[in-house]
Protein backbone atom coordinates (compact mmCIF):
# COMPACT_ATOMS: atom_id res chain seq x y z
CA MET A 1 114.93 85.68 104.96
CA THR A 2 115.17 88.50 107.50
CA ASP A 3 112.23 90.32 109.04
CA ASP A 4 112.96 93.35 106.85
CA ASP A 5 113.06 91.21 103.70
CA GLN A 6 109.78 89.58 104.66
CA PHE A 7 108.19 92.98 105.30
CA GLU A 8 109.41 94.27 101.93
CA SER A 9 107.98 91.15 100.26
CA PHE A 10 104.67 91.82 101.96
CA LYS A 11 104.64 95.47 100.82
CA THR A 12 105.45 94.39 97.27
CA ALA A 13 102.68 91.78 97.29
CA LEU A 14 100.20 94.25 98.78
CA SER A 15 101.10 96.92 96.24
CA ALA A 16 100.70 94.48 93.33
CA PHE A 17 97.36 93.30 94.75
CA MET A 18 96.07 96.89 95.01
CA ARG A 19 97.20 97.69 91.43
CA GLN A 20 95.61 94.57 90.00
CA THR A 21 92.40 95.11 91.98
CA HIS A 22 92.19 98.67 90.63
CA ALA A 23 92.59 97.37 87.08
CA LEU A 24 89.93 94.72 87.69
CA VAL A 25 87.47 97.25 89.12
CA ASP A 26 88.05 99.50 86.10
CA ARG A 27 87.49 96.56 83.74
CA VAL A 28 84.28 95.47 85.41
CA LEU A 29 82.90 99.01 85.58
CA SER A 30 83.57 99.44 81.86
CA ASP A 31 80.91 96.77 81.24
CA GLU A 32 78.22 99.19 80.10
CA THR A 33 75.75 96.38 79.45
CA HIS A 34 75.54 95.36 83.10
CA LYS A 35 77.05 98.29 85.01
CA SER A 36 75.55 101.38 83.35
CA HIS A 37 73.41 102.01 86.45
CA LEU A 38 76.64 102.65 88.38
CA ALA A 39 77.79 105.49 86.11
CA PRO A 40 77.23 108.20 88.77
CA LEU A 41 79.51 106.31 91.20
CA VAL A 42 82.37 105.64 88.77
CA PRO A 43 84.30 108.85 89.60
CA TRP A 44 84.16 108.08 93.33
CA VAL A 45 85.18 104.45 92.81
CA SER A 46 88.04 105.53 90.56
CA GLU A 47 89.26 108.09 93.09
CA VAL A 48 89.15 105.59 95.97
CA MET A 49 90.90 102.88 93.98
CA SER A 50 93.60 105.33 92.86
CA ALA A 51 94.16 106.39 96.47
CA SER A 52 94.47 102.75 97.54
CA MET A 53 97.52 102.34 95.31
CA GLU A 54 99.46 105.31 96.66
CA THR A 55 102.83 104.31 98.04
CA GLU A 56 102.22 106.00 101.37
CA LEU A 57 98.92 104.17 101.90
CA VAL A 58 100.42 100.80 100.97
CA GLU A 59 103.23 101.49 103.45
CA GLN A 60 100.74 102.40 106.20
CA VAL A 61 98.53 99.37 105.55
CA ALA A 62 101.54 97.07 105.48
CA LEU A 63 102.96 98.53 108.68
CA ALA A 64 99.58 98.40 110.46
CA TYR A 65 98.98 94.79 109.38
CA TRP A 66 102.53 93.74 110.18
CA SER A 67 102.60 95.32 113.63
CA ARG A 68 99.12 94.13 114.56
CA MET A 69 99.80 90.55 113.50
CA GLY A 70 103.23 90.48 115.20
CA MET A 71 104.81 88.98 112.12
CA THR A 72 108.41 87.94 111.77
CA SER A 73 110.44 86.25 109.06
CA THR A 74 109.57 82.88 110.55
CA SER A 75 105.86 83.63 110.77
CA THR A 76 103.64 81.25 108.83
CA PRO A 77 100.77 83.79 108.62
CA ALA A 78 103.15 86.27 107.00
CA ARG A 79 104.20 83.81 104.31
CA LEU A 80 100.60 82.71 103.75
CA LYS A 81 99.35 86.30 103.37
CA ILE A 82 102.12 87.01 100.85
CA LEU A 83 101.20 83.86 98.92
CA GLU A 84 97.51 84.85 99.03
CA LEU A 85 98.18 88.35 97.70
CA ASP A 86 100.61 87.11 95.03
CA GLY A 87 98.22 84.37 93.90
CA LEU A 88 95.26 86.70 93.70
CA SER A 89 97.31 89.28 91.78
CA ALA A 90 98.35 86.60 89.30
CA ALA A 91 94.75 85.40 88.88
CA ILE A 92 93.52 88.95 88.24
CA SER A 93 96.34 89.59 85.80
CA GLN A 94 95.51 86.41 83.91
CA SER A 95 91.80 87.24 83.77
CA LEU A 96 92.58 90.72 82.45
CA SER A 97 95.00 89.42 79.84
CA LEU A 98 92.38 87.20 78.25
CA ALA A 99 90.60 88.67 75.26
CA ALA A 100 87.66 90.83 76.27
CA ALA A 101 84.20 89.68 75.34
CA PRO A 102 83.06 91.13 72.00
CA ASP A 103 80.20 92.95 73.69
CA GLY A 104 82.49 94.43 76.37
CA THR A 105 80.95 92.54 79.29
CA ALA A 106 82.98 91.38 82.25
CA SER A 107 83.51 87.64 82.53
CA PHE A 108 82.13 85.49 85.33
CA ALA A 109 85.69 84.93 86.54
CA GLN A 110 86.32 88.66 86.77
CA THR A 111 83.12 89.22 88.70
CA HIS A 112 84.00 86.33 91.01
CA LEU A 113 87.51 87.70 91.53
CA LEU A 114 86.00 90.99 92.71
CA GLY A 115 84.29 89.05 95.49
CA VAL A 116 87.57 87.43 96.47
CA CYS A 117 89.27 90.86 96.44
CA SER A 118 86.58 92.20 98.76
CA LEU A 119 87.13 89.28 101.14
CA THR A 120 90.90 89.83 101.07
CA VAL A 121 90.55 93.52 101.91
CA GLY A 122 88.10 92.47 104.63
CA SER A 123 90.67 90.09 106.09
CA LEU A 124 93.19 92.95 106.21
CA LEU A 125 90.57 95.08 107.98
CA ASP A 126 89.84 92.33 110.50
CA ALA A 127 93.53 91.80 111.21
CA ILE A 128 94.24 95.51 111.69
CA GLY A 129 91.33 96.00 114.06
CA ASP A 130 90.61 99.40 115.57
CA MET A 131 94.19 100.39 116.33
CA PHE A 132 94.79 102.31 113.09
CA PRO A 133 91.66 104.38 112.30
CA LEU A 134 93.06 106.20 109.24
CA VAL A 135 94.29 103.00 107.62
CA ARG A 136 91.05 101.27 108.54
CA GLY A 137 89.01 104.06 106.94
CA LEU A 138 91.00 103.91 103.73
CA LEU A 139 90.72 100.13 103.54
CA ARG A 140 86.98 100.32 104.29
CA SER A 141 86.55 102.81 101.42
CA THR A 142 88.53 100.49 99.15
CA GLN A 143 86.31 97.57 100.10
CA ASP A 144 83.20 99.71 99.51
CA ALA A 145 84.49 100.69 96.04
CA ILE A 146 85.07 97.02 95.19
CA ASP A 147 81.59 96.18 96.42
CA VAL A 148 80.07 98.94 94.26
CA ALA A 149 81.73 97.36 91.22
CA ARG A 150 80.32 93.98 92.28
CA SER A 151 76.74 95.26 92.47
């Protein structure tokens, strides 16, 4: 696999992760039994999560992460990060495909997955560092939106 192929795989995995995380946040926030107190924040969370899925942002995050980590097609961290993002996307997809609880509450697994998503976005933030302030700000907002849904 060439460096370009590896980078495209990373962008694809990152994009899928952001889409699945957005769907999970929406699902958890629709739990009116436990999340009704967050109703005033739902529009902000929705806006942030929608922005995190934009193609341009995914491209910028991927490029910032890739250049900061010095990844190449033979890089083990690159392959591991792709596996992490793909695995988490699959887990979220599976949790969302299960029948919803009759009372509309989010499952323990979904709530737990939000925590893992927050950690994953945090690892991207840590890896990018301070070199890319715009990307860092957008990722920080995404992590904050996930954390709001967790509360």
